Amino acid sequence: MSVISDPLDALPPAAVAAGLAEPQRGVVRAFFRRKAAVTALVVLAIIVLAAILAPVLAPDGPTTQDFGAQLAPPAWDGGTWSHVLGTDELGRDTLSRLMYGARDVLALSFLAATITAVIGTLLGVLAGMIERGVGWVVNWLCDSQLAFPFVVLALVVITVQGDSFGTLLFVLSIFGWVQYARVVRAEVLRLKRTDYVLAARGSGSSTATIIRQHILPNVSSQVLVLWTFSIAQVLLLESSLSFLGLGIQPPTADWGQMFASGRAYLLEDWWYCFFPGLAITITILCAYLIGRALRDVLNPRLR
């Protein structure tokens, strides 16, 4: 008579796979039941596609000038349909510059948020698993990072290294890792004292195996939520740097730079800075709504 050591051994492989996949399906269904989050996801996808397909969809190039249509209003406000959202003081098409400007803005936001998430998660896991050595160092780094003003740090780095794409990516990547490190460290400190982690350690599993099989899968949901919110934070920071003249420089199109240039024409030519500001607001709001929905559906208590 055979003895089944694991109840899953008595089930067909297809049934086991279906049972393991059911929680993921529940999370997906819960997410798509939130209309605001689904709408935000669709809008964000449209913005990303418009940025990727800007060379095909944009009416003009980002630096193409039409001196006969300087500061032309939008089509519905007395302008022409050749410049649907109007033009700037050099006759450059606003819609085209918004689409091309989204490319660098979104690339910086996604890349910087991802790099920040990787660095913060790695430091948080190490600080939680090795409390006395690495943990003290990570805590000191977190306090130092929070005590140093970001704008001052960005100003120093950009002044020394220049305002290239790589420099901006570096500056934006070193911001925000603290929240990942602290959240992940707190979660690791809780997980390392759970019964299944203690049992794995007692059975001879190495620290690397425990991190890979038990720690990272359990902190991935918190990291995903933080990553979504980080996209919005980094986008706002990048736009702020461009607004201050520290970001992407003219003539390259950038939302923050367009918003800053349009301030001088705000009273008479409202569209100049309105549409870049609207693009920044909508993109940040979409990322926030998606992050909030993920936070709710990935937390069984809030689902």
Protein backbone atom coordinates (compact mmCIF):
# COMPACT_ATOMS: atom_id res chain seq x y z
CA MET A 1 0.00 0.00 0.00
CA SER A 2 1.51 3.30 -1.08
CA VAL A 3 1.40 6.40 1.07
CA ILE A 4 0.90 9.79 -0.54
CA SER A 5 3.30 12.25 1.10
CA ASP A 6 1.86 15.31 -0.63
CA PRO A 7 -1.87 15.70 -1.44
CA LEU A 8 -0.94 17.33 -4.76
CA ASP A 9 0.66 14.03 -5.82
CA ALA A 10 -2.82 12.50 -6.02
CA LEU A 11 -3.98 15.07 -8.56
CA PRO A 12 -3.31 15.11 -12.29
CA PRO A 13 -0.68 17.64 -13.39
CA ALA A 14 -3.33 19.65 -15.25
CA ALA A 15 -5.41 19.98 -12.08
CA VAL A 16 -2.39 21.11 -10.09
CA ALA A 17 -1.53 23.76 -12.69
CA ALA A 18 -5.13 24.95 -12.77
CA GLY A 19 -5.24 25.21 -8.98
CA LEU A 20 -2.00 27.20 -8.85
CA ALA A 21 -3.17 29.53 -11.63
CA GLU A 22 -6.54 30.27 -10.00
CA PRO A 23 -5.19 32.99 -7.63
CA GLN A 24 -3.60 34.79 -10.57
CA ARG A 25 -6.88 34.64 -12.47
CA GLY A 26 -8.67 36.04 -9.44
CA VAL A 27 -6.27 38.97 -9.28
CA VAL A 28 -6.74 39.71 -12.99
CA ARG A 29 -10.53 39.53 -12.69
CA ALA A 30 -10.47 41.79 -9.64
CA PHE A 31 -8.33 44.32 -11.50
CA PHE A 32 -10.56 44.42 -14.57
CA ARG A 33 -13.63 44.94 -12.38
CA ARG A 34 -12.23 48.38 -11.49
CA LYS A 35 -13.42 50.62 -14.30
CA ALA A 36 -11.21 53.56 -13.36
CA ALA A 37 -8.07 51.38 -13.45
CA VAL A 38 -9.03 49.78 -16.78
CA THR A 39 -9.71 53.20 -18.29
CA ALA A 40 -6.36 54.45 -17.00
CA LEU A 41 -4.62 51.41 -18.47
CA VAL A 42 -6.22 52.01 -21.88
CA VAL A 43 -5.33 55.73 -21.85
CA LEU A 44 -1.75 54.99 -20.80
CA ALA A 45 -1.45 52.37 -23.54
CA ILE A 46 -2.66 54.94 -26.10
CA ILE A 47 -0.06 57.45 -24.87
CA VAL A 48 2.70 54.84 -25.12
CA LEU A 49 1.60 53.80 -28.63
CA ALA A 50 1.41 57.44 -29.73
CA ALA A 51 4.98 57.96 -28.49
CA ILE A 52 6.28 54.83 -30.23
CA LEU A 53 4.48 55.61 -33.50
CA ALA A 54 5.21 59.35 -33.41
CA PRO A 55 7.26 59.27 -36.67
CA VAL A 56 4.23 57.78 -38.41
CA LEU A 57 1.32 59.52 -36.67
CA ALA A 58 2.68 63.00 -35.96
CA PRO A 59 1.56 65.68 -38.47
CA ASP A 60 5.04 67.30 -38.56
CA GLY A 61 8.50 66.82 -37.16
CA PRO A 62 9.17 68.04 -33.62
CA THR A 63 11.42 70.84 -34.87
CA THR A 64 9.62 71.70 -38.13
CA GLN A 65 8.85 75.43 -38.15
CA ASP A 66 5.97 77.19 -39.89
CA PHE A 67 6.64 80.93 -39.59
CA GLY A 68 3.30 81.68 -41.21
CA ALA A 69 1.45 80.00 -38.34
CA GLN A 70 3.25 81.26 -35.24
CA LEU A 71 1.16 80.87 -32.08
CA ALA A 72 -1.76 79.58 -34.14
CA PRO A 73 -4.74 78.59 -31.96
CA PRO A 74 -6.27 75.08 -31.91
CA ALA A 75 -8.55 74.08 -34.77
CA TRP A 76 -11.77 74.58 -32.76
CA ASP A 77 -10.66 78.03 -31.52
CA GLY A 78 -10.10 79.71 -34.85
CA GLY A 79 -7.09 77.75 -36.05
CA THR A 80 -6.66 75.27 -38.87
CA TRP A 81 -6.81 71.47 -38.90
CA SER A 82 -3.22 71.33 -40.13
CA HIS A 83 -2.29 72.30 -36.56
CA VAL A 84 -5.03 70.66 -34.48
CA LEU A 85 -3.66 71.74 -31.09
CA GLY A 86 -2.09 74.98 -32.29
CA THR A 87 1.57 75.97 -32.55
CA ASP A 88 4.26 77.64 -30.45
CA GLU A 89 6.13 80.91 -30.99
CA LEU A 90 8.26 79.31 -33.72
CA GLY A 91 5.33 77.76 -35.55
CA ARG A 92 6.10 74.22 -34.38
CA ASP A 93 3.09 71.91 -34.20
CA THR A 94 2.01 71.30 -30.58
CA LEU A 95 0.55 67.84 -31.21
CA SER A 96 3.73 66.66 -32.92
CA ARG A 97 5.92 67.97 -30.13
CA LEU A 98 3.69 66.31 -27.53
CA MET A 99 3.97 62.95 -29.29
CA TYR A 100 7.72 63.17 -29.76
CA GLY A 101 8.20 64.60 -26.27
CA ALA A 102 6.43 61.59 -24.78
CA ARG A 103 9.20 59.31 -26.05
CA ASP A 104 11.97 60.66 -23.81
CA VAL A 105 9.60 61.37 -20.91
CA LEU A 106 8.16 57.84 -20.83
CA ALA A 107 11.53 56.19 -21.51
CA LEU A 108 13.14 58.05 -18.61
CA SER A 109 10.18 57.31 -16.33
CA PHE A 110 10.02 53.57 -17.04
CA LEU A 111 13.79 53.02 -17.04
CA ALA A 112 14.47 55.10 -13.93
CA ALA A 113 11.58 53.49 -12.02
CA THR A 114 12.83 50.01 -12.99
CA ILE A 115 16.45 50.72 -12.02
CA THR A 116 15.28 52.23 -8.74
CA ALA A 117 13.11 49.19 -8.03
CA VAL A 118 15.98 46.77 -8.68
CA ILE A 119 18.45 48.69 -6.51
CA GLY A 120 15.99 49.28 -3.67
CA THR A 121 14.71 45.69 -3.65
CA LEU A 122 18.23 44.25 -3.65
CA LEU A 123 19.35 46.48 -0.78
CA GLY A 124 16.13 45.81 1.12
CA VAL A 125 16.50 42.03 0.82
CA LEU A 126 20.15 42.14 1.89
CA ALA A 127 19.37 44.47 4.80
CA GLY A 128 16.60 42.18 5.99
CA MET A 129 18.57 38.96 5.67
CA ILE A 130 21.83 40.33 7.12
CA GLU A 131 20.64 42.69 9.85
CA ARG A 132 23.82 43.51 11.74
CA GLY A 133 26.21 44.25 8.91
CA VAL A 134 24.45 45.18 5.71
CA GLY A 135 21.31 46.28 7.54
CA TRP A 136 23.13 49.04 9.43
CA VAL A 137 24.82 50.27 6.25
CA VAL A 138 21.55 50.35 4.29
CA ASN A 139 19.78 52.21 7.07
CA TRP A 140 22.58 54.79 7.12
CA LEU A 141 22.37 55.18 3.34
CA CYS A 142 18.60 55.64 3.56
CA ASP A 143 18.93 58.36 6.19
CA SER A 144 21.65 60.09 4.17
CA GLN A 145 19.57 59.99 1.00
CA LEU A 146 16.51 61.43 2.74
CA ALA A 147 18.57 64.19 4.37
CA PHE A 148 20.03 65.44 1.07
CA PRO A 149 17.70 67.61 -1.08
CA PHE A 150 17.06 66.01 -4.45
CA VAL A 151 17.07 69.24 -6.45
CA VAL A 152 20.49 70.20 -5.06
CA LEU A 153 21.86 66.76 -5.88
CA ALA A 154 20.41 66.93 -9.40
CA LEU A 155 21.84 70.42 -9.92
CA VAL A 156 25.34 69.30 -8.87
CA VAL A 157 25.35 66.15 -11.01
CA ILE A 158 23.91 67.84 -14.12
CA THR A 159 26.32 70.78 -13.76
CA VAL A 160 29.31 68.44 -13.59
CA GLN A 161 28.23 65.77 -16.09
CA GLY A 162 26.02 67.76 -18.45
CA ASP A 163 22.32 67.38 -19.29
CA SER A 164 22.49 64.27 -21.47
CA PHE A 165 19.92 61.45 -21.43
CA GLY A 166 22.30 59.23 -19.46
CA THR A 167 22.90 61.89 -16.82
CA LEU A 168 19.18 62.46 -16.37
CA LEU A 169 18.60 58.71 -16.12
CA PHE A 170 21.30 58.47 -13.44
CA VAL A 171 19.87 61.39 -11.44
CA LEU A 172 16.31 60.06 -11.59
CA SER A 173 17.44 56.50 -10.78
CA ILE A 174 19.10 57.42 -7.49
CA PHE A 175 15.86 58.99 -6.29
CA GLY A 176 13.19 56.82 -4.70
CA TRP A 177 15.15 53.65 -3.93
CA VAL A 178 14.77 54.36 -0.22
CA GLN A 179 11.06 53.52 -0.19
CA TYR A 180 11.75 50.16 -1.86
CA ALA A 181 14.58 49.37 0.56
CA ARG A 182 12.57 50.16 3.67
CA VAL A 183 9.36 48.42 2.57
CA VAL A 184 11.19 45.30 1.37
CA ARG A 185 13.43 45.19 4.46
CA ALA A 186 10.39 45.31 6.78
CA GLU A 187 8.70 42.54 4.79
CA VAL A 188 11.84 40.39 4.78
CA LEU A 189 12.20 40.75 8.56
CA ARG A 190 8.66 39.41 8.91
CA LEU A 191 9.04 36.62 6.35
CA LYS A 192 12.33 35.26 7.71
CA ARG A 193 10.55 34.39 10.97
CA THR A 194 7.65 32.51 9.36
CA ASP A 195 7.35 28.76 9.78
CA TYR A 196 7.98 27.81 6.15
CA VAL A 197 11.18 29.88 5.95
CA LEU A 198 12.43 28.43 9.24
CA ALA A 199 11.57 24.94 7.96
CA ALA A 200 13.45 25.59 4.71
CA ARG A 201 16.50 26.78 6.64
CA GLY A 202 16.26 23.76 8.96
CA SER A 203 16.18 21.42 5.96
CA GLY A 204 19.52 22.81 4.78
CA SER A 205 18.43 25.31 2.12
CA SER A 206 20.98 28.02 1.43
CA THR A 207 20.26 31.72 1.93
CA ALA A 208 20.24 32.27 -1.82
CA THR A 209 17.67 29.49 -2.28
CA ILE A 210 15.46 30.89 0.47
CA ILE A 211 15.60 34.35 -1.09
CA ARG A 212 14.78 33.00 -4.54
CA GLN A 213 12.01 30.60 -3.55
CA HIS A 214 10.39 32.23 -0.51
CA ILE A 215 11.41 35.88 -0.08
CA LEU A 216 11.26 37.40 -3.58
CA PRO A 217 7.89 35.84 -4.56
CA ASN A 218 6.33 37.25 -1.39
CA VAL A 219 7.68 40.79 -1.80
CA SER A 220 7.03 41.02 -5.54
CA SER A 221 3.50 42.37 -5.11
CA GLN A 222 4.68 45.26 -2.90
CA VAL A 223 7.50 46.00 -5.34
CA LEU A 224 5.09 46.02 -8.30
CA VAL A 225 2.79 48.52 -6.58
CA LEU A 226 5.72 50.76 -5.61
CA TRP A 227 7.09 50.55 -9.16
CA THR A 228 3.79 51.77 -10.60
CA PHE A 229 3.70 54.73 -8.23
CA SER A 230 7.38 55.40 -8.96
CA ILE A 231 6.62 55.89 -12.65
CA ALA A 232 4.32 58.78 -11.73
CA GLN A 233 6.87 60.23 -9.29
CA VAL A 234 9.76 60.03 -11.75
CA LEU A 235 7.67 61.56 -14.54
CA LEU A 236 6.80 64.49 -12.29
CA LEU A 237 10.45 64.89 -11.27
CA GLU A 238 11.64 64.79 -14.87
CA SER A 239 9.07 67.40 -15.86
CA SER A 240 10.11 69.54 -12.89
CA LEU A 241 13.78 69.37 -13.88
CA SER A 242 12.91 70.33 -17.46
CA PHE A 243 10.74 73.16 -16.16
CA LEU A 244 13.74 74.47 -14.21
CA GLY A 245 15.99 74.14 -17.27
CA LEU A 246 17.89 71.13 -15.89
CA GLY A 247 16.25 68.46 -18.03
CA ILE A 248 16.11 67.76 -21.75
CA GLN A 249 17.26 70.85 -23.60
CA PRO A 250 15.80 72.59 -26.69
CA PRO A 251 15.17 71.98 -29.50
CA THR A 252 14.33 68.44 -28.35
CA ALA A 253 10.64 68.24 -27.44
CA ASP A 254 9.86 67.70 -23.76
CA TRP A 255 6.63 68.20 -21.83
CA GLY A 256 8.16 70.08 -18.90
CA GLN A 257 10.18 72.29 -21.21
CA MET A 258 7.09 73.07 -23.33
CA PHE A 259 5.14 73.96 -20.20
CA ALA A 260 7.90 76.29 -19.03
CA SER A 261 8.17 78.01 -22.43
CA GLY A 262 4.43 78.61 -22.55
CA ARG A 263 4.28 80.57 -19.30
CA ALA A 264 5.09 83.83 -21.09
CA TYR A 265 2.07 83.35 -23.38
CA LEU A 266 -0.37 81.99 -20.80
CA LEU A 267 -2.84 84.89 -20.78
CA GLU A 268 -3.26 85.27 -24.54
CA ASP A 269 -2.16 81.92 -26.00
CA TRP A 270 -3.46 79.48 -23.40
CA TRP A 271 -2.95 76.33 -25.48
CA TYR A 272 0.85 76.66 -25.47
CA CYS A 273 1.32 75.43 -21.91
CA PHE A 274 -2.15 73.95 -21.34
CA PHE A 275 -1.69 70.83 -23.46
CA PRO A 276 1.76 69.88 -22.09
CA GLY A 277 0.43 70.36 -18.56
CA LEU A 278 -2.62 68.26 -19.43
CA ALA A 279 -0.40 65.48 -20.83
CA ILE A 280 1.68 65.42 -17.65
CA THR A 281 -1.42 65.38 -15.45
CA ILE A 282 -3.21 62.63 -17.38
CA THR A 283 -0.16 60.35 -17.49
CA ILE A 284 0.56 60.75 -13.77
CA LEU A 285 -3.11 60.21 -12.92
CA CYS A 286 -3.23 57.02 -15.02
CA ALA A 287 -0.14 55.60 -13.32
CA TYR A 288 -1.60 56.47 -9.91
CA LEU A 289 -4.97 54.83 -10.64
CA ILE A 290 -3.29 51.67 -11.91
CA GLY A 291 -1.02 51.54 -8.87
CA ARG A 292 -3.91 52.01 -6.46
CA ALA A 293 -5.89 49.24 -8.16
CA LEU A 294 -2.90 46.89 -8.01
CA ARG A 295 -2.44 47.70 -4.34
CA ASP A 296 -6.05 46.74 -3.67
CA VAL A 297 -6.23 43.55 -5.75
CA LEU A 298 -2.86 42.21 -4.57
CA ASN A 299 -3.88 42.64 -0.92
CA PRO A 300 -6.42 39.93 0.00
CA ARG A 301 -7.77 42.11 2.81
CA LEU A 302 -8.67 44.91 0.37
CA ARG A 303 -9.79 42.79 -2.58
